[in-house]
Amino acid sequence: MWLRFLLAALTIFFAGRYLSDLADDTAEITGLSKGFIGALILGLITSLPELVGTLTAVIFRANTDLGVGNIFGSNLFNIAILALAVLVFATRIKSEDWIHGSLFTVYMGICVGAFMIMLICLFHELHARWWEELGNIAVLGFFVAGMWLYSRERPKTDTAHVNKGQHSLARDMTFIVILGFVVVAAGVLLADSCDEIARNTHMTSTFVGSLFMAMATSFPEFVVTIRLLEQGNIRMAIGNIFGSNLFNLCIIAFVGLIYRGTIYSTITGQQVVLLAASILMSGTFLIGSTVRALRKTSIRLDNIIILVLYLCIYFWLY
């Protein structure tokens, strides 16, 4: 089971390392903002392991703890990745790149996360399937409307190069689709191996899902974020991480629509703490980013706080 886990994780790792170049090339060809491309293309593609892993765990394995723990744990890990990468590559990020437009997905993620906590509390008391379906539809509708609004932003400081002549949009999208299929296949293998680890060790499904499975399914975000910040591309990195987190929450809503019961009533108190912690970490990052955008300061205290919170949460969870 550990060999399958390692094989799936490595497949996701190497598939994800090419996505940042493809997304950057797509942004230049289309003229769309790098934040939006990061949130839509990178966010969606790098969240495919979470989608497949959670669907497999909840629908086919009937293990909601593993599937939900995967989503909430991935969101925590993604924010920790970004905080650490910003600390490591701080000198490569230009102060003028900290603009408010790139933080759109952070605001959206906080709103959806808070709404989902309301749904969890509500459906622990009220077991009404059709009310939950309305809540899930509202989450998905909010995501679609938000992405539509974000798509209407045009880059002001991005230099929009129209097709360098090296690649075409069709070529980029073809490779993105191929990598998507590779990631989906690895995600199925990953979910099976994590489910087996949870069943054959003393560790709980929530812990295995929120740590092992979450870290493995977040490998694409890890690789893409590191490559983006090596190039100083903070806008696309923020779009990738928080776009992925936003899509992850939508995965819960999507799975809830096809789940036979009320999925929010199965979410445990530990998992609510993970979700609340991701909101807190997002807010902390938002405050730090806003200060840097306004004052052009190099203070990184917010990133340190995020990493400390992440370690404290898993110390408590274990």
Protein backbone atom coordinates (compact mmCIF):
# COMPACT_ATOMS: atom_id res chain seq x y z
CA MET A 1 0.00 0.00 0.00
CA TRP A 2 2.90 2.36 0.73
CA LEU A 3 4.44 1.57 -2.68
CA ARG A 4 1.18 2.49 -4.44
CA PHE A 5 0.99 5.67 -2.37
CA LEU A 6 4.53 6.63 -3.40
CA LEU A 7 3.93 5.78 -7.07
CA ALA A 8 0.75 7.88 -7.22
CA ALA A 9 2.40 10.80 -5.42
CA LEU A 10 5.41 10.80 -7.77
CA THR A 11 3.14 10.66 -10.83
CA ILE A 12 1.21 13.69 -9.58
CA PHE A 13 4.48 15.45 -8.78
CA PHE A 14 5.97 15.10 -12.26
CA ALA A 15 2.69 15.77 -14.05
CA GLY A 16 2.27 19.01 -12.11
CA ARG A 17 5.74 20.42 -12.79
CA TYR A 18 4.89 21.35 -16.40
CA LEU A 19 1.62 23.11 -15.68
CA SER A 20 3.03 26.51 -14.69
CA ASP A 21 4.79 26.99 -18.04
CA LEU A 22 1.65 25.97 -19.93
CA ALA A 23 -0.52 28.35 -17.90
CA ASP A 24 1.89 31.25 -18.30
CA ASP A 25 2.01 30.68 -22.04
CA THR A 26 -1.81 30.53 -22.15
CA ALA A 27 -2.05 33.87 -20.29
CA GLU A 28 0.25 35.51 -22.83
CA ILE A 29 -1.64 34.07 -25.81
CA THR A 30 -5.13 34.98 -24.55
CA GLY A 31 -4.28 38.31 -22.87
CA LEU A 32 -6.16 37.29 -19.72
CA SER A 33 -4.76 38.24 -16.31
CA LYS A 34 -2.28 35.83 -14.77
CA GLY A 35 -4.30 35.75 -11.57
CA PHE A 36 -7.36 34.53 -13.43
CA ILE A 37 -5.41 31.95 -15.44
CA GLY A 38 -3.79 30.77 -12.22
CA ALA A 39 -7.18 30.42 -10.53
CA LEU A 40 -9.02 28.81 -13.44
CA ILE A 41 -6.55 26.62 -15.32
CA LEU A 42 -3.97 25.90 -12.63
CA GLY A 43 -6.53 25.89 -9.82
CA LEU A 44 -8.82 23.44 -11.59
CA ILE A 45 -6.13 21.15 -12.98
CA THR A 46 -4.09 20.94 -9.78
CA SER A 47 -7.31 20.17 -7.88
CA LEU A 48 -8.07 17.11 -10.00
CA PRO A 49 -6.34 14.76 -7.52
CA GLU A 50 -8.54 16.13 -4.72
CA LEU A 51 -11.64 15.72 -6.89
CA VAL A 52 -10.91 12.14 -7.87
CA GLY A 53 -9.57 11.20 -4.45
CA THR A 54 -12.59 12.58 -2.62
CA LEU A 55 -15.09 11.07 -5.07
CA THR A 56 -13.40 7.69 -4.72
CA ALA A 57 -13.24 7.88 -0.93
CA VAL A 58 -16.81 9.13 -0.36
CA ILE A 59 -18.82 7.51 -3.15
CA PHE A 60 -16.98 4.23 -3.80
CA ARG A 61 -15.28 3.61 -0.46
CA ALA A 62 -18.06 5.09 1.73
CA ASN A 63 -15.36 6.81 3.78
CA THR A 64 -16.53 10.42 4.20
CA ASP A 65 -13.92 11.15 6.89
CA LEU A 66 -11.12 10.37 4.44
CA GLY A 67 -12.66 12.34 1.57
CA VAL A 68 -13.58 15.45 3.57
CA GLY A 69 -10.30 15.34 5.49
CA ASN A 70 -8.50 15.28 2.14
CA ILE A 71 -10.21 18.50 1.03
CA PHE A 72 -9.81 20.50 4.22
CA GLY A 73 -6.27 19.22 4.79
CA SER A 74 -5.30 20.09 1.21
CA ASN A 75 -6.52 23.65 1.71
CA LEU A 76 -4.38 24.04 4.83
CA PHE A 77 -1.35 22.52 3.13
CA ASN A 78 -1.79 24.73 0.04
CA ILE A 79 -1.75 27.93 2.11
CA ALA A 80 1.27 26.69 4.07
CA ILE A 81 3.03 25.97 0.74
CA LEU A 82 2.44 29.53 -0.45
CA ALA A 83 3.52 31.07 2.87
CA LEU A 84 6.75 29.07 2.89
CA ALA A 85 7.47 29.78 -0.79
CA VAL A 86 6.97 33.53 -0.27
CA LEU A 87 9.51 33.43 2.57
CA VAL A 88 12.04 31.49 0.50
CA PHE A 89 11.66 33.51 -2.71
CA ALA A 90 10.90 36.92 -1.16
CA THR A 91 13.74 38.64 -3.02
CA ARG A 92 12.36 37.53 -6.39
CA ILE A 93 8.93 39.09 -5.85
CA LYS A 94 8.60 42.73 -6.93
CA SER A 95 6.77 45.00 -4.51
CA GLU A 96 4.46 46.30 -7.25
CA ASP A 97 3.20 42.75 -7.90
CA TRP A 98 1.25 42.77 -4.62
CA ILE A 99 -1.95 44.16 -6.13
CA HIS A 100 -5.53 43.81 -4.88
CA GLY A 101 -6.80 42.20 -8.08
CA SER A 102 -4.75 39.06 -7.52
CA LEU A 103 -6.43 38.54 -4.11
CA PHE A 104 -9.92 38.04 -5.55
CA THR A 105 -9.90 34.27 -5.00
CA VAL A 106 -8.78 34.76 -1.38
CA TYR A 107 -11.92 36.79 -0.67
CA MET A 108 -14.08 34.22 -2.46
CA GLY A 109 -12.54 31.33 -0.55
CA ILE A 110 -13.19 33.02 2.81
CA CYS A 111 -16.84 33.62 1.87
CA VAL A 112 -17.42 30.03 0.69
CA GLY A 113 -15.61 28.58 3.70
CA ALA A 114 -17.72 30.62 6.14
CA PHE A 115 -20.91 29.65 4.32
CA MET A 116 -19.91 25.98 4.45
CA ILE A 117 -19.43 26.17 8.23
CA MET A 118 -22.98 27.52 8.43
CA LEU A 119 -24.21 24.55 6.36
CA ILE A 120 -22.36 22.07 8.58
CA CYS A 121 -23.84 23.53 11.77
CA LEU A 122 -27.31 23.70 10.19
CA PHE A 123 -27.41 20.12 8.91
CA HIS A 124 -26.12 18.64 12.14
CA GLU A 125 -29.49 19.76 13.49
CA LEU A 126 -31.66 19.55 10.36
CA HIS A 127 -31.53 16.44 8.17
CA ALA A 128 -33.31 17.76 5.09
CA ARG A 129 -31.89 16.50 1.82
CA TRP A 130 -33.44 19.13 -0.43
CA TRP A 131 -32.25 22.02 1.75
CA GLU A 132 -28.71 20.66 1.53
CA GLU A 133 -29.01 20.43 -2.25
CA LEU A 134 -29.98 24.12 -2.34
CA GLY A 135 -26.92 24.94 -0.25
CA ASN A 136 -24.65 22.96 -2.59
CA ILE A 137 -26.14 24.64 -5.65
CA ALA A 138 -25.56 28.03 -4.00
CA VAL A 139 -21.87 27.19 -3.45
CA LEU A 140 -21.40 26.07 -7.06
CA GLY A 141 -23.34 29.08 -8.38
CA PHE A 142 -21.18 31.45 -6.34
CA PHE A 143 -18.06 29.85 -7.82
CA VAL A 144 -19.29 30.18 -11.41
CA ALA A 145 -20.44 33.79 -10.90
CA GLY A 146 -17.15 34.71 -9.22
CA MET A 147 -15.04 33.21 -12.00
CA TRP A 148 -17.13 35.05 -14.58
CA LEU A 149 -16.52 38.36 -12.80
CA TYR A 150 -12.82 37.58 -12.44
CA SER A 151 -12.54 36.75 -16.14
CA ARG A 152 -13.63 40.29 -17.01
CA GLU A 153 -10.53 41.72 -15.32
CA ARG A 154 -7.89 42.66 -17.84
CA PRO A 155 -4.23 42.81 -16.86
CA LYS A 156 -3.10 46.35 -16.12
CA THR A 157 0.49 45.71 -15.17
CA ASP A 158 0.93 42.34 -16.83
CA THR A 159 2.71 42.63 -20.12
CA ALA A 160 0.39 40.84 -22.48
CA HIS A 161 2.50 39.31 -25.18
CA VAL A 162 0.43 37.99 -27.99
CA ASN A 163 1.67 34.50 -28.86
CA LYS A 164 5.43 34.35 -28.91
CA GLY A 165 5.22 32.15 -31.99
CA GLN A 166 6.60 29.19 -30.06
CA HIS A 167 3.34 27.56 -29.03
CA SER A 168 -0.32 27.77 -29.97
CA LEU A 169 -3.32 27.86 -27.66
CA ALA A 170 -4.53 24.54 -29.09
CA ARG A 171 -1.18 22.92 -28.31
CA ASP A 172 -1.18 24.23 -24.74
CA MET A 173 -4.75 23.10 -24.07
CA THR A 174 -4.00 19.65 -25.53
CA PHE A 175 -1.10 19.14 -23.14
CA ILE A 176 -3.18 20.45 -20.23
CA VAL A 177 -5.91 17.90 -20.98
CA ILE A 178 -3.36 15.07 -21.26
CA LEU A 179 -1.80 16.02 -17.93
CA GLY A 180 -5.30 16.20 -16.47
CA PHE A 181 -5.98 12.57 -17.39
CA VAL A 182 -2.64 11.51 -15.90
CA VAL A 183 -3.45 13.30 -12.66
CA VAL A 184 -6.94 11.73 -12.53
CA ALA A 185 -5.50 8.21 -12.85
CA ALA A 186 -2.94 8.91 -10.13
CA GLY A 187 -5.68 10.38 -7.93
CA VAL A 188 -7.68 7.13 -8.03
CA LEU A 189 -4.61 5.12 -7.06
CA LEU A 190 -3.81 7.60 -4.31
CA ALA A 191 -7.29 7.41 -2.75
CA ASP A 192 -7.20 3.61 -2.71
CA SER A 193 -3.78 3.49 -1.06
CA CYS A 194 -4.71 6.11 1.58
CA ASP A 195 -7.94 4.28 2.38
CA GLU A 196 -5.93 1.08 2.89
CA ILE A 197 -3.41 2.90 5.09
CA ALA A 198 -6.24 4.26 7.26
CA ARG A 199 -7.81 0.81 7.62
CA ASN A 200 -4.55 -1.00 8.43
CA THR A 201 -2.95 1.42 10.88
CA HIS A 202 -3.94 3.01 14.17
CA MET A 203 -4.34 6.40 12.45
CA THR A 204 -7.84 7.80 11.91
CA SER A 205 -9.29 8.43 8.46
CA THR A 206 -9.48 12.15 9.22
CA PHE A 207 -5.77 12.26 10.07
CA VAL A 208 -4.70 10.14 7.09
CA GLY A 209 -6.93 12.14 4.74
CA SER A 210 -5.92 15.56 6.05
CA LEU A 211 -2.18 14.80 6.19
CA PHE A 212 -0.96 11.98 3.91
CA MET A 213 -3.64 12.17 1.24
CA ALA A 214 -3.87 15.97 1.38
CA MET A 215 -0.11 16.43 1.02
CA ALA A 216 0.09 13.95 -1.86
CA THR A 217 -2.84 15.43 -3.77
CA SER A 218 -1.33 18.89 -3.21
CA PHE A 219 1.93 17.98 -4.95
CA PRO A 220 0.83 19.73 -8.18
CA GLU A 221 0.18 22.95 -6.22
CA PHE A 222 3.54 22.55 -4.49
CA VAL A 223 5.51 22.11 -7.70
CA VAL A 224 3.64 24.80 -9.63
CA THR A 225 3.93 27.35 -6.81
CA ILE A 226 7.67 26.79 -6.40
CA ARG A 227 8.26 27.18 -10.14
CA LEU A 228 6.09 30.32 -10.32
CA LEU A 229 7.81 32.04 -7.40
CA GLU A 230 11.23 31.13 -8.76
CA GLN A 231 10.16 33.36 -11.64
CA GLY A 232 8.70 35.98 -9.24
CA ASN A 233 5.17 35.38 -10.55
CA ILE A 234 3.26 35.99 -7.30
CA ARG A 235 -0.06 36.80 -9.00
CA MET A 236 -0.35 33.47 -10.75
CA ALA A 237 0.89 31.68 -7.62
CA ILE A 238 -1.85 33.27 -5.50
CA GLY A 239 -4.42 32.43 -8.17
CA ASN A 240 -3.20 28.84 -8.27
CA ILE A 241 -3.29 28.25 -4.50
CA PHE A 242 -6.51 30.04 -3.59
CA GLY A 243 -8.23 29.11 -6.84
CA SER A 244 -7.43 25.50 -6.00
CA ASN A 245 -8.74 25.96 -2.45
CA LEU A 246 -11.94 27.49 -3.77
CA PHE A 247 -12.44 24.64 -6.21
CA ASN A 248 -11.74 22.14 -3.41
CA LEU A 249 -14.66 23.54 -1.42
CA CYS A 250 -16.81 23.23 -4.53
CA ILE A 251 -15.81 19.56 -4.65
CA ILE A 252 -17.56 19.10 -1.28
CA ALA A 253 -20.68 20.71 -2.73
CA PHE A 254 -20.50 18.59 -5.90
CA VAL A 255 -20.02 15.35 -3.96
CA GLY A 256 -22.88 16.40 -1.68
CA LEU A 257 -25.22 16.54 -4.68
CA ILE A 258 -24.54 12.90 -5.60
CA TYR A 259 -24.07 11.55 -2.07
CA ARG A 260 -27.07 9.52 -0.91
CA GLY A 261 -27.22 11.08 2.53
CA THR A 262 -26.55 14.58 3.87
CA ILE A 263 -22.78 14.91 3.67
CA TYR A 264 -22.60 17.93 5.99
CA SER A 265 -24.12 15.92 8.85
CA THR A 266 -21.20 13.46 8.60
CA ILE A 267 -18.52 16.15 8.97
CA THR A 268 -16.86 15.91 12.38
CA GLY A 269 -15.82 18.61 14.81
CA GLN A 270 -12.14 18.01 13.96
CA GLN A 271 -12.85 18.68 10.31
CA VAL A 272 -14.73 21.89 11.16
CA VAL A 273 -11.59 23.02 13.00
CA LEU A 274 -9.55 22.33 9.84
CA LEU A 275 -11.98 24.37 7.73
CA ALA A 276 -12.02 27.23 10.24
CA ALA A 277 -8.21 27.16 10.37
CA SER A 278 -8.03 27.50 6.57
CA ILE A 279 -10.27 30.59 6.80
CA LEU A 280 -8.04 32.03 9.54
CA MET A 281 -4.89 31.34 7.52
CA SER A 282 -6.47 32.87 4.39
CA GLY A 283 -7.42 35.98 6.34
CA THR A 284 -3.89 36.25 7.74
CA PHE A 285 -2.41 36.01 4.25
CA LEU A 286 -4.92 38.56 2.99
CA ILE A 287 -3.98 41.06 5.70
CA GLY A 288 -0.26 40.66 5.02
CA SER A 289 -0.73 40.95 1.25
CA THR A 290 -2.91 44.06 1.60
CA VAL A 291 -0.30 45.74 3.82
CA ARG A 292 2.43 44.94 1.30
CA ALA A 293 0.28 46.24 -1.57
CA LEU A 294 -0.38 49.54 0.23
CA ARG A 295 2.95 50.20 1.93
CA LYS A 296 5.36 48.25 -0.27
CA THR A 297 6.89 46.69 2.85
CA SER A 298 8.91 43.50 3.01
CA ILE A 299 7.52 42.29 6.37
CA ARG A 300 6.81 38.53 6.32
CA LEU A 301 5.27 38.10 9.79
CA ASP A 302 1.98 36.89 8.29
CA ASN A 303 3.72 33.98 6.55
CA ILE A 304 5.43 32.92 9.78
CA ILE A 305 2.10 33.02 11.64
CA ILE A 306 0.51 30.84 8.94
CA LEU A 307 3.25 28.21 9.24
CA VAL A 308 3.02 28.17 13.04
CA LEU A 309 -0.78 27.76 12.84
CA TYR A 310 -0.36 24.87 10.40
CA LEU A 311 2.04 23.03 12.69
CA CYS A 312 -0.16 23.64 15.74
CA ILE A 313 -3.25 22.28 14.00
CA TYR A 314 -1.56 18.98 13.11
CA PHE A 315 0.05 18.65 16.52
CA TRP A 316 -3.43 18.95 18.01
CA LEU A 317 -5.01 16.67 15.41
CA TYR A 318 -2.50 13.86 15.89
